[in-house]
Amino acid sequence: MVNLDKSAVENVLKDIVDPHTRLDLYSAKNVKGIDITGSDVSLRIELGYPAKSYVNELKSLVETRLQQLPGIGRVNAEINWKIVAHAVQKTLKPLTNVKNIIAVASGKGGVGKSTTTANLALALAAEGASVGILDADIYGPSIPTMLGLSGQPESPDGKTLLPKVSYGVQTISIGYLVDPDQAMIWRGPMVTGALQQLLTQTQWRDLDYLIVDLPPGTGDIQLTLAQQIPVSGAVIVTTPQDIALIDAQRGLAMFEKVQVPILGLVENMSIHICSQCGHEEAIFGSGGGAAMAAKNHVELLGSLPLDIKIREFADHGRPTVAADPDGRPAQIYKAIARRMAAKLSLSAKDFSNRFPNIVIQNT
């Protein structure tokens, strides 16, 4: 029997890079335990993001690499994940029952921001997280339609609302509370006030992630929301088109000003594949998302095709990740969701709930 050196096992783990964090398992502090008995090795790896569709691949990779060590016996790698709360803007406090709020924004409308929001939320849920969506687009709430929901949410106490649930995702939207044909002629303060109520008066149930679908643009409403909602990170949605990239750059700059970390960019409608002949054509240009990411030193989380089924599924209340979970677009959404959550897992953690409230009283 050969007694293995723990350092030899650690060196193998230092050479295995997680494609989502871009770090090796050891540097990312994913290795939580190594147990060596003679020539047998068992270890525990804990990721900081939901990864149901990745753990088997990682387990196989780790065990295969370790089995190449001289004199190795049995190898067992236990892979799981733990999602923790991360820091928000310094002037704000995290929301009760919500570990992390991620804002999805775009500099302009029409780039597929709400479709991306819905599918990323479903992708995170499919990967094993508890997820909610706050539809903050007061003037054009589309999340109810995309998730096949309607009707007013229940209010058990007359003061708070129960989120409406679709495909396991908790949601709240102004679209549940107003007539679909009613024009929302509200000024900025009314909009921000309504959203604060939706955010704080909804009985969210132990969410790992609350995805906020922000209104398009970078005006007063968007800036106020970015300053008032305790956000752990933001994702910018754009298309490769130059005019969209210019506006997306403004959105990115807005979050930087309020000290919200940019988790990355999502390039939508990157390429069109003809459903009849399979011909590929970059209708809105190519390489724009990658160039913007490089310019701003942020990650391009992924690129999505201009696919008629993505639109059709959303219009019928069954987003791509739910309607065709094994299809190529759904797999791209899941990969983007994992990268987004992995990027967040590397940011500063929130420790506010570990400290008691100190109350000074006159005695």
Protein backbone atom coordinates (compact mmCIF):
# COMPACT_ATOMS: atom_id res chain seq x y z
CA MET A 1 0.00 0.00 0.00
CA VAL A 2 1.29 3.46 -0.96
CA ASN A 3 0.64 6.39 1.36
CA LEU A 4 -0.19 9.34 -0.84
CA ASP A 5 1.14 12.79 -0.12
CA LYS A 6 -1.65 15.34 0.33
CA SER A 7 0.36 17.93 -1.58
CA ALA A 8 0.29 15.68 -4.66
CA VAL A 9 -3.52 15.70 -4.55
CA GLU A 10 -3.56 19.48 -4.04
CA ASN A 11 -1.27 19.99 -7.04
CA VAL A 12 -3.70 18.09 -9.26
CA LEU A 13 -6.58 20.27 -8.05
CA LYS A 14 -4.50 23.40 -8.73
CA ASP A 15 -4.32 22.35 -12.38
CA ILE A 16 -8.11 21.93 -12.81
CA VAL A 17 -9.66 25.22 -13.93
CA ASP A 18 -13.38 25.84 -13.49
CA PRO A 19 -14.56 27.28 -16.83
CA HIS A 20 -17.19 29.39 -15.06
CA THR A 21 -14.95 31.18 -12.56
CA ARG A 22 -11.78 30.95 -14.72
CA LEU A 23 -9.93 29.92 -11.55
CA ASP A 24 -8.48 26.61 -10.47
CA LEU A 25 -10.39 24.75 -7.79
CA TYR A 26 -7.74 25.38 -5.15
CA SER A 27 -7.33 29.13 -5.74
CA ALA A 28 -11.12 29.57 -5.76
CA LYS A 29 -11.25 27.88 -2.33
CA ASN A 30 -13.66 25.27 -3.65
CA VAL A 31 -11.77 22.42 -1.98
CA LYS A 32 -13.37 21.94 1.43
CA GLY A 33 -11.82 18.66 2.49
CA ILE A 34 -9.28 16.03 1.44
CA ASP A 35 -9.23 12.67 3.20
CA ILE A 36 -6.43 10.20 2.40
CA THR A 37 -6.52 6.64 3.72
CA GLY A 38 -3.53 4.73 2.46
CA SER A 39 -3.81 5.01 -1.32
CA ASP A 40 -7.52 5.92 -1.31
CA VAL A 41 -8.64 9.53 -1.68
CA SER A 42 -11.97 11.16 -0.97
CA LEU A 43 -12.52 14.88 -1.25
CA ARG A 44 -15.29 17.43 -0.99
CA ILE A 45 -15.61 20.28 -3.46
CA GLU A 46 -18.10 23.09 -2.88
CA LEU A 47 -18.91 25.53 -5.69
CA GLY A 48 -20.30 28.98 -4.95
CA TYR A 49 -22.97 28.86 -7.64
CA PRO A 50 -25.75 26.45 -8.71
CA ALA A 51 -24.39 23.88 -11.16
CA LYS A 52 -26.70 20.88 -11.40
CA SER A 53 -25.83 20.28 -15.05
CA TYR A 54 -22.09 20.65 -14.44
CA VAL A 55 -21.36 18.64 -11.29
CA ASN A 56 -21.20 15.24 -13.01
CA GLU A 57 -18.76 16.57 -15.58
CA LEU A 58 -16.60 18.11 -12.86
CA LYS A 59 -16.74 14.95 -10.73
CA SER A 60 -15.61 12.83 -13.68
CA LEU A 61 -12.80 15.28 -14.51
CA VAL A 62 -11.49 15.44 -10.93
CA GLU A 63 -11.58 11.69 -10.42
CA THR A 64 -9.98 10.98 -13.80
CA ARG A 65 -7.12 13.41 -13.16
CA LEU A 66 -6.48 12.08 -9.65
CA GLN A 67 -6.48 8.49 -10.87
CA GLN A 68 -3.39 9.34 -12.92
CA LEU A 69 -1.32 9.74 -9.75
CA PRO A 70 1.18 6.91 -9.21
CA GLY A 71 -0.03 4.36 -6.68
CA ILE A 72 -3.52 5.85 -6.42
CA GLY A 73 -6.32 3.60 -5.18
CA ARG A 74 -9.99 4.43 -5.06
CA VAL A 75 -11.01 8.05 -5.70
CA ASN A 76 -14.31 9.64 -4.73
CA ALA A 77 -15.09 13.31 -5.30
CA GLU A 78 -18.23 14.74 -3.70
CA ILE A 79 -19.35 17.85 -5.58
CA ASN A 80 -22.01 20.26 -4.30
CA TRP A 81 -22.65 23.98 -4.10
CA LYS A 82 -23.55 26.62 -1.53
CA ILE A 83 -25.03 30.01 -2.42
CA VAL A 84 -24.31 32.83 0.00
CA ALA A 85 -25.29 36.51 0.18
CA HIS A 86 -22.93 39.03 -1.39
CA ALA A 87 -22.33 42.67 -0.61
CA VAL A 88 -24.57 45.44 -1.99
CA GLN A 89 -24.10 49.21 -2.31
CA LYS A 90 -22.60 50.66 0.87
CA THR A 91 -25.60 52.89 1.59
CA LEU A 92 -28.13 50.02 1.40
CA LYS A 93 -28.95 46.87 3.33
CA PRO A 94 -29.74 43.46 1.81
CA LEU A 95 -33.37 42.43 1.59
CA THR A 96 -34.79 39.93 4.06
CA ASN A 97 -35.24 36.44 2.55
CA VAL A 98 -33.27 37.42 -0.58
CA LYS A 99 -29.58 36.53 -0.67
CA ASN A 100 -28.68 38.29 -3.93
CA ILE A 101 -30.35 40.76 -6.26
CA ILE A 102 -29.09 40.83 -9.85
CA ALA A 103 -30.21 43.65 -12.14
CA VAL A 104 -30.64 42.94 -15.85
CA ALA A 105 -30.40 46.17 -17.84
CA SER A 106 -30.03 47.54 -21.34
CA GLY A 107 -29.27 50.97 -22.66
CA LYS A 108 -32.18 50.80 -25.10
CA GLY A 109 -35.33 48.82 -25.71
CA GLY A 110 -35.78 46.04 -28.24
CA VAL A 111 -32.61 44.09 -27.48
CA GLY A 112 -34.37 41.17 -25.75
CA LYS A 113 -33.73 42.18 -22.15
CA SER A 114 -36.97 40.76 -20.70
CA THR A 115 -36.64 37.54 -22.70
CA THR A 116 -33.11 37.18 -21.38
CA THR A 117 -34.30 37.89 -17.81
CA ALA A 118 -37.00 35.22 -17.95
CA ASN A 119 -34.72 32.58 -19.42
CA LEU A 120 -31.81 33.32 -17.07
CA ALA A 121 -34.16 33.02 -14.08
CA LEU A 122 -35.45 29.68 -15.35
CA ALA A 123 -31.89 28.57 -16.07
CA LEU A 124 -30.76 29.36 -12.52
CA ALA A 125 -33.75 27.44 -11.18
CA ALA A 126 -32.91 24.49 -13.45
CA GLU A 127 -29.36 24.57 -12.08
CA GLY A 128 -30.67 24.19 -8.53
CA ALA A 129 -31.24 27.70 -7.16
CA SER A 130 -34.29 29.33 -5.59
CA VAL A 131 -35.11 32.22 -7.93
CA GLY A 132 -37.50 35.15 -8.24
CA ILE A 133 -38.15 37.89 -10.80
CA LEU A 134 -39.10 41.50 -10.06
CA ASP A 135 -40.54 43.01 -13.22
CA ALA A 136 -39.39 46.61 -12.81
CA ASP A 137 -40.43 47.68 -16.30
CA ILE A 138 -43.49 49.62 -15.14
CA TYR A 139 -44.30 51.08 -18.57
CA GLY A 140 -44.04 47.77 -20.41
CA PRO A 141 -44.33 44.81 -18.02
CA SER A 142 -43.83 41.69 -20.13
CA ILE A 143 -42.80 39.06 -17.57
CA PRO A 144 -46.44 37.98 -16.89
CA THR A 145 -46.98 37.23 -20.58
CA MET A 146 -43.64 35.47 -20.97
CA LEU A 147 -44.33 33.22 -17.98
CA GLY A 148 -48.01 32.61 -18.78
CA LEU A 149 -49.28 34.39 -15.66
CA SER A 150 -52.24 36.70 -15.10
CA GLY A 151 -54.60 37.86 -12.38
CA GLN A 152 -53.88 39.69 -9.16
CA PRO A 153 -51.52 38.19 -6.58
CA GLU A 154 -52.96 37.10 -3.24
CA SER A 155 -52.60 39.33 -0.18
CA PRO A 156 -53.08 37.28 2.99
CA ASP A 157 -52.89 40.30 5.33
CA GLY A 158 -54.07 43.13 3.08
CA LYS A 159 -50.60 44.71 3.24
CA THR A 160 -48.19 42.32 1.56
CA LEU A 161 -48.35 40.29 -1.64
CA LEU A 162 -47.62 36.66 -2.35
CA PRO A 163 -45.46 36.22 -5.45
CA LYS A 164 -47.05 34.42 -8.38
CA VAL A 165 -45.11 31.30 -9.33
CA SER A 166 -44.40 29.87 -12.78
CA TYR A 167 -42.02 27.00 -13.56
CA GLY A 168 -40.82 27.20 -9.95
CA VAL A 169 -39.85 30.89 -10.22
CA GLN A 170 -41.44 33.46 -7.88
CA THR A 171 -42.52 36.66 -9.64
CA ILE A 172 -44.09 40.04 -9.00
CA SER A 173 -45.04 42.65 -11.60
CA ILE A 174 -47.15 45.77 -11.92
CA GLY A 175 -48.72 43.83 -14.78
CA TYR A 176 -50.60 41.72 -12.21
CA LEU A 177 -52.14 44.82 -10.63
CA VAL A 178 -53.31 46.92 -13.57
CA ASP A 179 -55.44 46.35 -16.66
CA PRO A 180 -53.24 45.18 -19.56
CA ASP A 181 -54.71 47.91 -21.79
CA GLN A 182 -54.18 50.68 -19.24
CA ALA A 183 -51.54 53.27 -20.11
CA MET A 184 -49.07 53.83 -17.27
CA ILE A 185 -48.83 57.64 -17.34
CA TRP A 186 -46.67 57.94 -14.24
CA ARG A 187 -43.86 60.31 -13.41
CA GLY A 188 -40.55 59.12 -12.03
CA PRO A 189 -41.32 59.37 -8.28
CA MET A 190 -44.51 57.33 -8.73
CA VAL A 191 -42.62 54.64 -10.61
CA THR A 192 -39.81 54.33 -8.07
CA GLY A 193 -42.32 54.36 -5.21
CA ALA A 194 -44.35 51.57 -6.81
CA LEU A 195 -41.25 49.47 -7.39
CA GLN A 196 -40.05 49.93 -3.83
CA GLN A 197 -43.43 48.64 -2.68
CA LEU A 198 -43.31 45.65 -5.02
CA LEU A 199 -39.79 44.86 -3.84
CA THR A 200 -40.26 45.24 -0.08
CA GLN A 201 -43.92 44.24 0.33
CA THR A 202 -43.72 40.95 -1.53
CA GLN A 203 -43.34 37.86 0.64
CA TRP A 204 -40.32 36.42 -1.15
CA ARG A 205 -39.63 32.88 0.06
CA ASP A 206 -35.91 32.29 0.74
CA LEU A 207 -34.49 33.34 -2.62
CA ASP A 208 -30.92 32.69 -3.65
CA TYR A 209 -31.33 35.16 -6.50
CA LEU A 210 -33.89 37.85 -7.31
CA ILE A 211 -33.52 38.93 -10.94
CA VAL A 212 -34.73 42.48 -11.57
CA ASP A 213 -35.85 43.28 -15.10
CA LEU A 214 -35.07 47.01 -15.24
CA PRO A 215 -36.72 49.45 -17.67
CA PRO A 216 -34.59 50.17 -20.75
CA GLY A 217 -32.52 53.31 -20.78
CA THR A 218 -30.28 55.26 -18.38
CA GLY A 219 -32.50 58.11 -17.25
CA ASP A 220 -33.56 59.32 -13.82
CA ILE A 221 -35.77 56.29 -13.16
CA GLN A 222 -33.03 53.76 -13.88
CA LEU A 223 -30.46 55.72 -11.86
CA THR A 224 -32.82 56.07 -8.89
CA LEU A 225 -33.60 52.36 -8.96
CA ALA A 226 -29.91 51.49 -9.11
CA GLN A 227 -29.37 53.67 -6.03
CA GLN A 228 -32.37 52.40 -4.03
CA ILE A 229 -32.41 48.67 -4.75
CA PRO A 230 -29.71 46.69 -2.86
CA VAL A 231 -28.02 45.06 -5.85
CA SER A 232 -25.17 42.54 -5.70
CA GLY A 233 -24.40 42.70 -9.42
CA ALA A 234 -25.69 43.73 -12.85
CA VAL A 235 -25.84 42.18 -16.30
CA ILE A 236 -26.00 44.28 -19.46
CA VAL A 237 -27.93 42.95 -22.48
CA THR A 238 -27.05 44.25 -25.92
CA THR A 239 -26.99 43.26 -29.57
CA PRO A 240 -23.87 43.43 -31.79
CA GLN A 241 -25.29 46.52 -33.53
CA ASP A 242 -23.22 49.69 -33.02
CA ILE A 243 -26.20 51.82 -31.95
CA ALA A 244 -27.17 49.25 -29.28
CA LEU A 245 -23.59 49.03 -28.03
CA ILE A 246 -23.39 52.80 -27.58
CA ASP A 247 -26.47 52.73 -25.35
CA ALA A 248 -25.29 49.60 -23.53
CA GLN A 249 -22.05 51.43 -22.72
CA ARG A 250 -24.11 54.14 -21.00
CA GLY A 251 -25.93 51.49 -18.97
CA LEU A 252 -22.64 49.97 -17.88
CA ALA A 253 -21.30 53.38 -16.87
CA MET A 254 -24.41 54.05 -14.78
CA PHE A 255 -23.86 50.96 -12.64
CA GLU A 256 -20.18 51.78 -12.23
CA LYS A 257 -21.12 55.22 -10.87
CA VAL A 258 -23.33 53.70 -8.17
CA GLN A 259 -20.69 51.04 -7.40
CA VAL A 260 -22.65 48.01 -8.56
CA PRO A 261 -20.34 45.29 -9.94
CA ILE A 262 -20.85 44.35 -13.58
CA LEU A 263 -21.12 40.57 -13.78
CA GLY A 264 -20.87 40.62 -17.56
CA LEU A 265 -22.49 41.23 -20.93
CA VAL A 266 -25.00 39.12 -22.81
CA GLU A 267 -24.95 39.57 -26.58
CA ASN A 268 -28.41 38.83 -27.96
CA MET A 269 -29.33 38.22 -31.62
CA SER A 270 -25.67 37.61 -32.39
CA ILE A 271 -26.30 35.53 -35.50
CA HIS A 272 -29.31 34.46 -37.54
CA ILE A 273 -29.56 30.85 -38.69
CA CYS A 274 -32.06 30.34 -41.50
CA SER A 275 -34.66 27.76 -40.46
CA GLN A 276 -34.99 26.63 -44.10
CA CYS A 277 -31.44 26.28 -45.36
CA GLY A 278 -29.23 26.68 -42.28
CA HIS A 279 -27.37 29.68 -43.69
CA GLU A 280 -25.78 31.80 -40.96
CA GLU A 281 -25.77 35.59 -41.21
CA ALA A 282 -24.75 38.28 -38.70
CA ILE A 283 -27.69 40.60 -39.37
CA PHE A 284 -26.78 43.05 -36.60
CA GLY A 285 -23.03 42.86 -37.10
CA SER A 286 -20.49 40.68 -35.34
CA GLY A 287 -17.96 40.94 -32.56
CA GLY A 288 -19.54 43.99 -30.93
CA GLY A 289 -20.21 42.33 -27.58
CA ALA A 290 -16.70 40.90 -27.37
CA ALA A 291 -15.16 44.27 -28.23
CA MET A 292 -17.25 46.07 -25.61
CA ALA A 293 -16.38 43.47 -22.99
CA ALA A 294 -12.68 43.80 -23.73
CA LYS A 295 -12.85 47.60 -23.66
CA ASN A 296 -14.50 47.63 -20.23
CA HIS A 297 -12.57 44.66 -18.79
CA VAL A 298 -15.76 42.72 -18.12
CA GLU A 299 -16.77 39.24 -19.19
CA LEU A 300 -18.84 38.36 -22.24
CA LEU A 301 -21.08 35.81 -20.54
CA GLY A 302 -22.40 34.42 -23.81
CA SER A 303 -24.00 35.09 -27.19
CA LEU A 304 -27.48 34.04 -28.23
CA PRO A 305 -28.72 33.46 -31.77
CA LEU A 306 -31.59 35.30 -33.44
CA ASP A 307 -33.93 32.31 -33.27
CA ILE A 308 -37.64 32.51 -34.10
CA LYS A 309 -38.39 29.83 -31.50
CA ILE A 310 -37.05 32.00 -28.67
CA ARG A 311 -39.63 34.65 -29.58
CA GLU A 312 -42.45 32.15 -30.15
CA PHE A 313 -41.87 30.36 -26.86
CA ALA A 314 -41.85 33.65 -24.92
CA ASP A 315 -45.02 34.91 -26.63
CA HIS A 316 -46.81 31.72 -25.62
CA GLY A 317 -45.81 31.88 -21.96
CA ARG A 318 -43.22 29.10 -22.09
CA PRO A 319 -39.70 30.55 -22.35
CA THR A 320 -37.05 28.56 -24.17
CA VAL A 321 -35.46 27.02 -21.06
CA ALA A 322 -38.85 25.57 -20.05
CA ALA A 323 -40.21 24.78 -23.52
CA ASP A 324 -37.11 23.14 -24.99
CA PRO A 325 -34.69 22.46 -22.09
CA ASP A 326 -32.43 20.23 -24.16
CA GLY A 327 -32.23 22.56 -27.16
CA ARG A 328 -29.12 24.54 -28.06
CA PRO A 329 -30.52 27.99 -27.01
CA ALA A 330 -31.55 26.60 -23.58
CA GLN A 331 -28.07 25.19 -23.09
CA ILE A 332 -26.59 28.61 -23.89
CA TYR A 333 -28.91 30.29 -21.37
CA LYS A 334 -27.86 27.77 -18.70
CA ALA A 335 -24.17 28.32 -19.47
CA ILE A 336 -24.66 32.10 -19.20
CA ALA A 337 -26.55 31.69 -15.91
CA ARG A 338 -23.76 29.55 -14.45
CA ARG A 339 -21.08 32.04 -15.52
CA MET A 340 -23.13 34.94 -14.14
CA ALA A 341 -23.64 33.24 -10.77
CA ALA A 342 -20.01 32.09 -10.70
CA LYS A 343 -18.80 35.64 -11.27
CA LEU A 344 -20.99 36.82 -8.40
CA SER A 345 -19.62 34.05 -6.17
CA LEU A 346 -16.16 35.65 -6.42
CA SER A 347 -17.32 39.06 -5.15
CA ALA A 348 -17.31 40.24 -1.56
CA LYS A 349 -19.69 38.43 0.77
CA ASP A 350 -22.30 40.10 2.97
CA PHE A 351 -21.73 39.56 6.68
CA SER A 352 -24.34 41.98 8.03
CA ASN A 353 -26.57 39.21 9.34
CA ARG A 354 -23.76 37.89 11.50
CA PHE A 355 -23.67 40.96 13.69
CA PRO A 356 -26.41 41.68 16.25
CA ASN A 357 -28.24 44.98 16.30
CA ILE A 358 -26.93 47.10 19.15
CA VAL A 359 -29.57 49.19 20.88
CA ILE A 360 -28.59 51.85 23.43
CA GLN A 361 -31.26 52.61 26.01
CA ASN A 362 -31.41 55.09 28.82
CA THR A 363 -31.57 53.26 32.14
